[in-house]
Amino acid sequence: DTLVTVTPAEVGAQILLTDKLVRDNSEDVIRAAGRILGDAMEYKRDYDLIGQLDDGTNTLGSGGAATLGHIAAAYAILAGVPAQKPFACVMHPYVILDLVDVFTPILPATNTYSGSVGSVGDEVLRNYMVGRLFGVPIYEEGNIPTATCKGGMFSAGEGGALILATAKEWEVESERDASLRATELNIVGEYGVGEYLADWIVELYHDATTPA
C-alpha cells in the first residue's frame, strides 16, 4: 500500500441580494439564490473529481469516437490489475451518443429503426440510457469539459480509485451589509480530492463534438 495525502481546502461562493430585489419578490429570489449556490458547489465538486480521471495509468480512445471495444478494453485492463470491483464508467453525453448510435442504427433509405423487438437497442431507444455495458453502469456527466473530454472507467465505491475527503459539509449563511443595502448569501464547504491508485483508473479520451 502507499500513503495518499489529501489536504481539504475551503470552497465557497457568494450571492448579493439587494434590498430592492428582495422587496419585489422575496420568496422566489431567496429560493432561486439558494438553488444557484448549491448547483455551483455541486459543479465545483464534480469538476474536481472528474479531473482525477486524467491521472489514470492507461488511456483509451485517443480523441476519436467512443466504441464498445473501448469499454470492453477498459474493463479488461482494470480486471487484469486486478482493481477492486465494482467498476463504474463516466462519459460526457456527446460521447455516449456514439454508443447510442451503435445500439439504435437507423436505415438511411426509410429513416426507420433497424433493431429487433427485445434488443438492447429498444431499451436505449425508449430511454436514451445505455444503462450497463459488460456489467458496468454507464453514467453521463455533462460537467466533463468538451475541449479535452476525458471520462473514464474506474474502481468505484468505498475504498475505490477516487477519494473525496470532506472536512466540512457546505452550508449557507446570510449576512446583512447595510452600506450596500443588500444581504450576502455565502456558501462554504471544505473538502479535498485525490486518487488512491492510478492503476485503478482507465482514462477514456473521446471526441465530444456538438451533435448536429
C-alpha atoms as a PDB file:
ATOM      1  CA  ASP A   1       0.000   0.000   0.000  1.00  0.00           C
ATOM      2  CA  THR A   2       1.061   3.615  -0.488  1.00  0.00           C
ATOM      3  CA  LEU A   3       0.450   6.733   1.561  1.00  0.00           C
ATOM      4  CA  VAL A   4      -2.014   9.078  -0.151  1.00  0.00           C
ATOM      5  CA  THR A   5      -2.226  12.586   1.285  1.00  0.00           C
ATOM      6  CA  VAL A   6      -5.366  14.613   0.606  1.00  0.00           C
ATOM      7  CA  THR A   7      -5.494  18.124   2.052  1.00  0.00           C
ATOM      8  CA  PRO A   8      -9.010  19.604   2.287  1.00  0.00           C
ATOM      9  CA  ALA A   9      -9.434  23.254   1.340  1.00  0.00           C
ATOM     10  CA  GLU A  10     -12.295  25.695   1.658  1.00  0.00           C
ATOM     11  CA  VAL A  11     -14.525  26.190  -1.375  1.00  0.00           C
ATOM     12  CA  GLY A  12     -17.249  28.788  -1.468  1.00  0.00           C
ATOM     13  CA  ALA A  13     -19.481  31.123  -3.426  1.00  0.00           C
ATOM     14  CA  GLN A  14     -21.450  34.283  -2.704  1.00  0.00           C
ATOM     15  CA  ILE A  15     -24.610  35.959  -3.978  1.00  0.00           C
ATOM     16  CA  LEU A  16     -25.611  39.514  -3.086  1.00  0.00           C
ATOM     17  CA  LEU A  17     -29.348  40.120  -2.789  1.00  0.00           C
ATOM     18  CA  THR A  18     -30.208  43.813  -2.882  1.00  0.00           C
ATOM     19  CA  ASP A  19     -32.955  45.094  -0.614  1.00  0.00           C
ATOM     20  CA  LYS A  20     -34.977  46.238  -3.621  1.00  0.00           C
ATOM     21  CA  LEU A  21     -34.752  42.842  -5.282  1.00  0.00           C
ATOM     22  CA  VAL A  22     -35.921  41.087  -2.131  1.00  0.00           C
ATOM     23  CA  ARG A  23     -38.790  43.540  -1.626  1.00  0.00           C
ATOM     24  CA  ASP A  24     -40.012  42.930  -5.165  1.00  0.00           C
ATOM     25  CA  ASN A  25     -40.086  39.147  -4.902  1.00  0.00           C
ATOM     26  CA  SER A  26     -38.563  37.842  -1.683  1.00  0.00           C
ATOM     27  CA  GLU A  27     -39.565  34.164  -1.617  1.00  0.00           C
ATOM     28  CA  ASP A  28     -38.750  33.355  -5.243  1.00  0.00           C
ATOM     29  CA  VAL A  29     -35.467  35.280  -5.172  1.00  0.00           C
ATOM     30  CA  ILE A  30     -34.155  33.676  -1.997  1.00  0.00           C
ATOM     31  CA  ARG A  31     -35.167  30.192  -3.133  1.00  0.00           C
ATOM     32  CA  ALA A  32     -33.533  30.700  -6.532  1.00  0.00           C
ATOM     33  CA  ALA A  33     -30.352  32.056  -4.934  1.00  0.00           C
ATOM     34  CA  GLY A  34     -30.070  29.012  -2.671  1.00  0.00           C
ATOM     35  CA  ARG A  35     -30.501  26.682  -5.628  1.00  0.00           C
ATOM     36  CA  ILE A  36     -27.865  28.538  -7.651  1.00  0.00           C
ATOM     37  CA  LEU A  37     -25.359  28.355  -4.800  1.00  0.00           C
ATOM     38  CA  GLY A  38     -25.985  24.639  -4.297  1.00  0.00           C
ATOM     39  CA  ASP A  39     -25.656  23.943  -8.028  1.00  0.00           C
ATOM     40  CA  ALA A  40     -22.388  25.902  -8.126  1.00  0.00           C
ATOM     41  CA  MET A  41     -20.920  23.824  -5.309  1.00  0.00           C
ATOM     42  CA  GLU A  42     -22.071  20.580  -6.936  1.00  0.00           C
ATOM     43  CA  TYR A  43     -20.443  21.653 -10.205  1.00  0.00           C
ATOM     44  CA  LYS A  44     -17.166  22.537  -8.491  1.00  0.00           C
ATOM     45  CA  ARG A  45     -17.004  19.221  -6.643  1.00  0.00           C
ATOM     46  CA  ASP A  46     -17.892  17.251  -9.803  1.00  0.00           C
ATOM     47  CA  TYR A  47     -15.252  19.159 -11.790  1.00  0.00           C
ATOM     48  CA  ASP A  48     -12.569  18.449  -9.179  1.00  0.00           C
ATOM     49  CA  LEU A  49     -13.385  14.713  -9.081  1.00  0.00           C
ATOM     50  CA  ILE A  50     -13.560  14.459 -12.890  1.00  0.00           C
ATOM     51  CA  GLY A  51     -10.077  15.945 -13.072  1.00  0.00           C
ATOM     52  CA  GLN A  52      -8.709  12.900 -11.246  1.00  0.00           C
ATOM     53  CA  LEU A  53      -9.602  10.661 -14.197  1.00  0.00           C
ATOM     54  CA  ASP A  54      -6.858  12.376 -16.203  1.00  0.00           C
ATOM     55  CA  ASP A  55      -4.303  10.733 -13.905  1.00  0.00           C
ATOM     56  CA  GLY A  56      -5.219   7.181 -14.936  1.00  0.00           C
ATOM     57  CA  THR A  57      -2.278   4.970 -15.822  1.00  0.00           C
ATOM     58  CA  ASN A  58      -3.901   3.807 -19.064  1.00  0.00           C
ATOM     59  CA  THR A  59      -5.682   5.862 -21.743  1.00  0.00           C
ATOM     60  CA  LEU A  60      -8.037   4.612 -24.451  1.00  0.00           C
ATOM     61  CA  GLY A  61      -9.785   6.448 -27.258  1.00  0.00           C
ATOM     62  CA  SER A  62      -7.136   8.932 -28.490  1.00  0.00           C
ATOM     63  CA  GLY A  63      -9.745  11.585 -29.248  1.00  0.00           C
ATOM     64  CA  GLY A  64     -11.842   9.549 -31.677  1.00  0.00           C
ATOM     65  CA  ALA A  65     -15.375   8.214 -31.409  1.00  0.00           C
ATOM     66  CA  ALA A  66     -16.274   6.011 -28.446  1.00  0.00           C
ATOM     67  CA  THR A  67     -16.725   2.324 -29.225  1.00  0.00           C
ATOM     68  CA  LEU A  68     -17.877  -0.775 -27.380  1.00  0.00           C
ATOM     69  CA  GLY A  69     -14.329  -2.009 -27.797  1.00  0.00           C
ATOM     70  CA  HIS A  70     -13.022   0.822 -25.633  1.00  0.00           C
ATOM     71  CA  ILE A  71     -15.475  -0.046 -22.851  1.00  0.00           C
ATOM     72  CA  ALA A  72     -14.574  -3.721 -23.024  1.00  0.00           C
ATOM     73  CA  ALA A  73     -10.844  -2.964 -23.105  1.00  0.00           C
ATOM     74  CA  ALA A  74     -11.135  -0.642 -20.093  1.00  0.00           C
ATOM     75  CA  TYR A  75     -12.904  -3.389 -18.168  1.00  0.00           C
ATOM     76  CA  ALA A  76     -10.216  -5.914 -19.117  1.00  0.00           C
ATOM     77  CA  ILE A  77      -7.420  -3.559 -18.039  1.00  0.00           C
ATOM     78  CA  LEU A  78      -8.975  -2.949 -14.625  1.00  0.00           C
ATOM     79  CA  ALA A  79      -9.824  -6.627 -14.120  1.00  0.00           C
ATOM     80  CA  GLY A  80      -6.258  -7.549 -15.070  1.00  0.00           C
ATOM     81  CA  VAL A  81      -4.644  -5.319 -12.427  1.00  0.00           C
ATOM     82  CA  PRO A  82      -6.806  -6.506 -10.611  1.00  0.00           C
ATOM     83  CA  ALA A  83      -8.692  -3.416  -9.415  1.00  0.00           C
ATOM     84  CA  GLN A  84     -11.320  -3.610  -6.713  1.00  0.00           C
ATOM     85  CA  LYS A  85     -14.864  -4.106  -8.000  1.00  0.00           C
ATOM     86  CA  PRO A  86     -17.441  -2.752  -8.699  1.00  0.00           C
ATOM     87  CA  PHE A  87     -16.377  -0.633 -11.648  1.00  0.00           C
ATOM     88  CA  ALA A  88     -18.145   2.481 -12.961  1.00  0.00           C
ATOM     89  CA  CYS A  89     -17.834   4.402 -16.215  1.00  0.00           C
ATOM     90  CA  VAL A  90     -18.396   8.157 -16.600  1.00  0.00           C
ATOM     91  CA  MET A  91     -18.686   9.833 -20.015  1.00  0.00           C
ATOM     92  CA  HIS A  92     -19.932  13.102 -21.481  1.00  0.00           C
ATOM     93  CA  PRO A  93     -23.430  12.905 -23.079  1.00  0.00           C
ATOM     94  CA  TYR A  94     -21.930  13.758 -26.502  1.00  0.00           C
ATOM     95  CA  VAL A  95     -19.619  10.754 -26.148  1.00  0.00           C
ATOM     96  CA  ILE A  96     -22.431   8.468 -25.013  1.00  0.00           C
ATOM     97  CA  LEU A  97     -24.231   9.429 -28.237  1.00  0.00           C
ATOM     98  CA  ASP A  98     -21.625   7.375 -30.117  1.00  0.00           C
ATOM     99  CA  LEU A  99     -22.690   4.331 -28.088  1.00  0.00           C
ATOM    100  CA  VAL A 100     -26.377   5.170 -28.553  1.00  0.00           C
ATOM    101  CA  ASP A 101     -25.800   5.172 -32.334  1.00  0.00           C
ATOM    102  CA  VAL A 102     -24.328   1.667 -32.082  1.00  0.00           C
ATOM    103  CA  PHE A 103     -27.466   0.322 -30.424  1.00  0.00           C
ATOM    104  CA  THR A 104     -30.057   2.277 -32.420  1.00  0.00           C
ATOM    105  CA  PRO A 105     -28.983   2.144 -36.069  1.00  0.00           C
ATOM    106  CA  ILE A 106     -31.298   3.957 -38.470  1.00  0.00           C
ATOM    107  CA  LEU A 107     -31.823   2.713 -42.017  1.00  0.00           C
ATOM    108  CA  PRO A 108     -30.981   5.662 -44.332  1.00  0.00           C
ATOM    109  CA  ALA A 109     -33.465   4.729 -47.051  1.00  0.00           C
ATOM    110  CA  THR A 110     -36.540   4.536 -44.795  1.00  0.00           C
ATOM    111  CA  ASN A 111     -35.355   6.578 -41.776  1.00  0.00           C
ATOM    112  CA  THR A 112     -36.586   3.745 -39.545  1.00  0.00           C
ATOM    113  CA  TYR A 113     -35.049   1.904 -36.624  1.00  0.00           C
ATOM    114  CA  SER A 114     -33.361  -1.318 -37.727  1.00  0.00           C
ATOM    115  CA  GLY A 115     -33.316  -3.074 -34.350  1.00  0.00           C
ATOM    116  CA  SER A 116     -35.394  -6.005 -33.191  1.00  0.00           C
ATOM    117  CA  VAL A 117     -38.051  -6.318 -30.510  1.00  0.00           C
ATOM    118  CA  GLY A 118     -36.486  -7.033 -27.129  1.00  0.00           C
ATOM    119  CA  SER A 119     -32.993  -5.980 -28.147  1.00  0.00           C
ATOM    120  CA  VAL A 120     -30.706  -3.683 -26.125  1.00  0.00           C
ATOM    121  CA  GLY A 121     -31.394  -1.061 -28.765  1.00  0.00           C
ATOM    122  CA  ASP A 122     -35.104  -0.998 -27.879  1.00  0.00           C
ATOM    123  CA  GLU A 123     -34.311  -0.019 -24.306  1.00  0.00           C
ATOM    124  CA  VAL A 124     -31.833   2.635 -25.442  1.00  0.00           C
ATOM    125  CA  LEU A 125     -34.377   3.981 -27.934  1.00  0.00           C
ATOM    126  CA  ARG A 126     -37.078   4.282 -25.259  1.00  0.00           C
ATOM    127  CA  ASN A 127     -34.980   5.871 -22.516  1.00  0.00           C
ATOM    128  CA  TYR A 128     -31.845   7.251 -24.197  1.00  0.00           C
ATOM    129  CA  MET A 129     -29.893   5.436 -21.498  1.00  0.00           C
ATOM    130  CA  VAL A 130     -27.189   2.930 -22.319  1.00  0.00           C
ATOM    131  CA  GLY A 131     -27.513   1.555 -18.788  1.00  0.00           C
ATOM    132  CA  ARG A 132     -24.894  -1.144 -18.256  1.00  0.00           C
ATOM    133  CA  LEU A 133     -22.261  -2.471 -20.622  1.00  0.00           C
ATOM    134  CA  PHE A 134     -20.282  -5.608 -19.713  1.00  0.00           C
ATOM    135  CA  GLY A 135     -21.803  -5.349 -16.232  1.00  0.00           C
ATOM    136  CA  VAL A 136     -20.547  -1.775 -15.713  1.00  0.00           C
ATOM    137  CA  PRO A 137     -23.002   1.127 -15.215  1.00  0.00           C
ATOM    138  CA  ILE A 138     -22.500   3.963 -17.711  1.00  0.00           C
ATOM    139  CA  TYR A 139     -23.098   7.402 -16.192  1.00  0.00           C
ATOM    140  CA  GLU A 140     -23.465  10.625 -18.162  1.00  0.00           C
ATOM    141  CA  GLU A 141     -21.655  13.664 -16.805  1.00  0.00           C
ATOM    142  CA  GLY A 142     -22.250  16.951 -18.584  1.00  0.00           C
ATOM    143  CA  ASN A 143     -19.623  18.731 -16.459  1.00  0.00           C
ATOM    144  CA  ILE A 144     -16.770  16.980 -18.298  1.00  0.00           C
ATOM    145  CA  PRO A 145     -15.068  19.698 -20.413  1.00  0.00           C
ATOM    146  CA  THR A 146     -15.724  19.004 -24.109  1.00  0.00           C
ATOM    147  CA  ALA A 147     -12.399  20.514 -25.207  1.00  0.00           C
ATOM    148  CA  THR A 148     -10.466  17.546 -23.823  1.00  0.00           C
ATOM    149  CA  CYS A 149     -13.411  15.279 -22.919  1.00  0.00           C
ATOM    150  CA  LYS A 150     -11.665  12.860 -20.619  1.00  0.00           C
ATOM    151  CA  GLY A 151     -14.049  10.491 -18.906  1.00  0.00           C
ATOM    152  CA  GLY A 152     -13.071   7.120 -17.587  1.00  0.00           C
ATOM    153  CA  MET A 153     -13.744   3.747 -16.054  1.00  0.00           C
ATOM    154  CA  PHE A 154     -12.560   3.227 -12.515  1.00  0.00           C
ATOM    155  CA  SER A 155     -12.870   1.209  -9.355  1.00  0.00           C
ATOM    156  CA  ALA A 156     -15.916   2.677  -7.612  1.00  0.00           C
ATOM    157  CA  GLY A 157     -17.431   2.537  -4.176  1.00  0.00           C
ATOM    158  CA  GLU A 158     -15.823   2.751  -0.759  1.00  0.00           C
ATOM    159  CA  GLY A 159     -12.089   2.133  -0.994  1.00  0.00           C
ATOM    160  CA  GLY A 160     -12.146   2.676  -4.765  1.00  0.00           C
ATOM    161  CA  ALA A 161      -9.911   4.717  -7.040  1.00  0.00           C
ATOM    162  CA  LEU A 162     -11.282   8.202  -6.299  1.00  0.00           C
ATOM    163  CA  ILE A 163     -11.018   9.892  -2.923  1.00  0.00           C
ATOM    164  CA  LEU A 164     -13.342  12.612  -1.656  1.00  0.00           C
ATOM    165  CA  ALA A 165     -12.244  13.801   1.793  1.00  0.00           C
ATOM    166  CA  THR A 166     -14.896  16.079   3.303  1.00  0.00           C
ATOM    167  CA  ALA A 167     -13.810  18.083   6.329  1.00  0.00           C
ATOM    168  CA  LYS A 168     -16.960  20.225   6.435  1.00  0.00           C
ATOM    169  CA  GLU A 169     -20.235  19.856   4.568  1.00  0.00           C
ATOM    170  CA  TRP A 170     -21.281  23.061   2.859  1.00  0.00           C
ATOM    171  CA  GLU A 171     -23.851  25.316   4.426  1.00  0.00           C
ATOM    172  CA  VAL A 172     -25.371  28.699   3.608  1.00  0.00           C
ATOM    173  CA  GLU A 173     -25.067  31.695   5.920  1.00  0.00           C
ATOM    174  CA  SER A 174     -26.587  35.129   5.442  1.00  0.00           C
ATOM    175  CA  GLU A 175     -25.021  38.422   6.491  1.00  0.00           C
ATOM    176  CA  ARG A 176     -26.542  41.884   6.299  1.00  0.00           C
ATOM    177  CA  ASP A 177     -24.444  44.640   4.649  1.00  0.00           C
ATOM    178  CA  ALA A 178     -26.160  47.956   5.400  1.00  0.00           C
ATOM    179  CA  SER A 179     -23.765  50.078   3.336  1.00  0.00           C
ATOM    180  CA  LEU A 180     -24.565  48.014   0.239  1.00  0.00           C
ATOM    181  CA  ARG A 181     -28.257  47.873   1.127  1.00  0.00           C
ATOM    182  CA  ALA A 182     -28.006  44.169   0.453  1.00  0.00           C
ATOM    183  CA  THR A 183     -27.776  40.777   2.128  1.00  0.00           C
ATOM    184  CA  GLU A 184     -24.892  38.416   1.444  1.00  0.00           C
ATOM    185  CA  LEU A 185     -25.616  34.728   0.958  1.00  0.00           C
ATOM    186  CA  ASN A 186     -22.389  32.809   1.492  1.00  0.00           C
ATOM    187  CA  ILE A 187     -21.935  29.080   0.974  1.00  0.00           C
ATOM    188  CA  VAL A 188     -18.722  27.425   2.163  1.00  0.00           C
ATOM    189  CA  GLY A 189     -17.558  23.842   2.410  1.00  0.00           C
ATOM    190  CA  GLU A 190     -14.200  22.162   2.930  1.00  0.00           C
ATOM    191  CA  TYR A 191     -13.036  19.093   1.023  1.00  0.00           C
ATOM    192  CA  GLY A 192     -10.179  17.595  -0.940  1.00  0.00           C
ATOM    193  CA  VAL A 193      -9.956  15.080  -3.789  1.00  0.00           C
ATOM    194  CA  GLY A 194      -7.347  12.600  -4.946  1.00  0.00           C
ATOM    195  CA  GLU A 195      -6.868   9.113  -6.320  1.00  0.00           C
ATOM    196  CA  TYR A 196      -5.937   6.032  -4.352  1.00  0.00           C
ATOM    197  CA  LEU A 197      -4.278   4.130  -7.220  1.00  0.00           C
ATOM    198  CA  ALA A 198      -3.783   5.432 -10.770  1.00  0.00           C
ATOM    199  CA  ASP A 199      -3.800   1.787 -11.977  1.00  0.00           C
ATOM    200  CA  TRP A 200      -7.431   1.583 -10.875  1.00  0.00           C
ATOM    201  CA  ILE A 201      -8.419   4.261 -13.430  1.00  0.00           C
ATOM    202  CA  VAL A 202      -8.612   3.943 -17.228  1.00  0.00           C
ATOM    203  CA  GLU A 203      -8.936   7.346 -18.872  1.00  0.00           C
ATOM    204  CA  LEU A 204     -11.331   7.390 -21.815  1.00  0.00           C
ATOM    205  CA  TYR A 205     -10.432  10.207 -24.196  1.00  0.00           C
ATOM    206  CA  HIS A 206     -13.031  10.712 -26.907  1.00  0.00           C
ATOM    207  CA  ASP A 207     -14.353  13.249 -29.350  1.00  0.00           C
ATOM    208  CA  ALA A 208     -17.197  15.381 -27.984  1.00  0.00           C
ATOM    209  CA  THR A 209     -18.324  17.379 -30.987  1.00  0.00           C
ATOM    210  CA  THR A 210     -21.716  19.052 -30.523  1.00  0.00           C
ATOM    211  CA  PRO A 211     -24.339  16.828 -32.183  1.00  0.00           C
ATOM    212  CA  ALA A 212     -25.754  18.165 -35.434  1.00  0.00           C
END
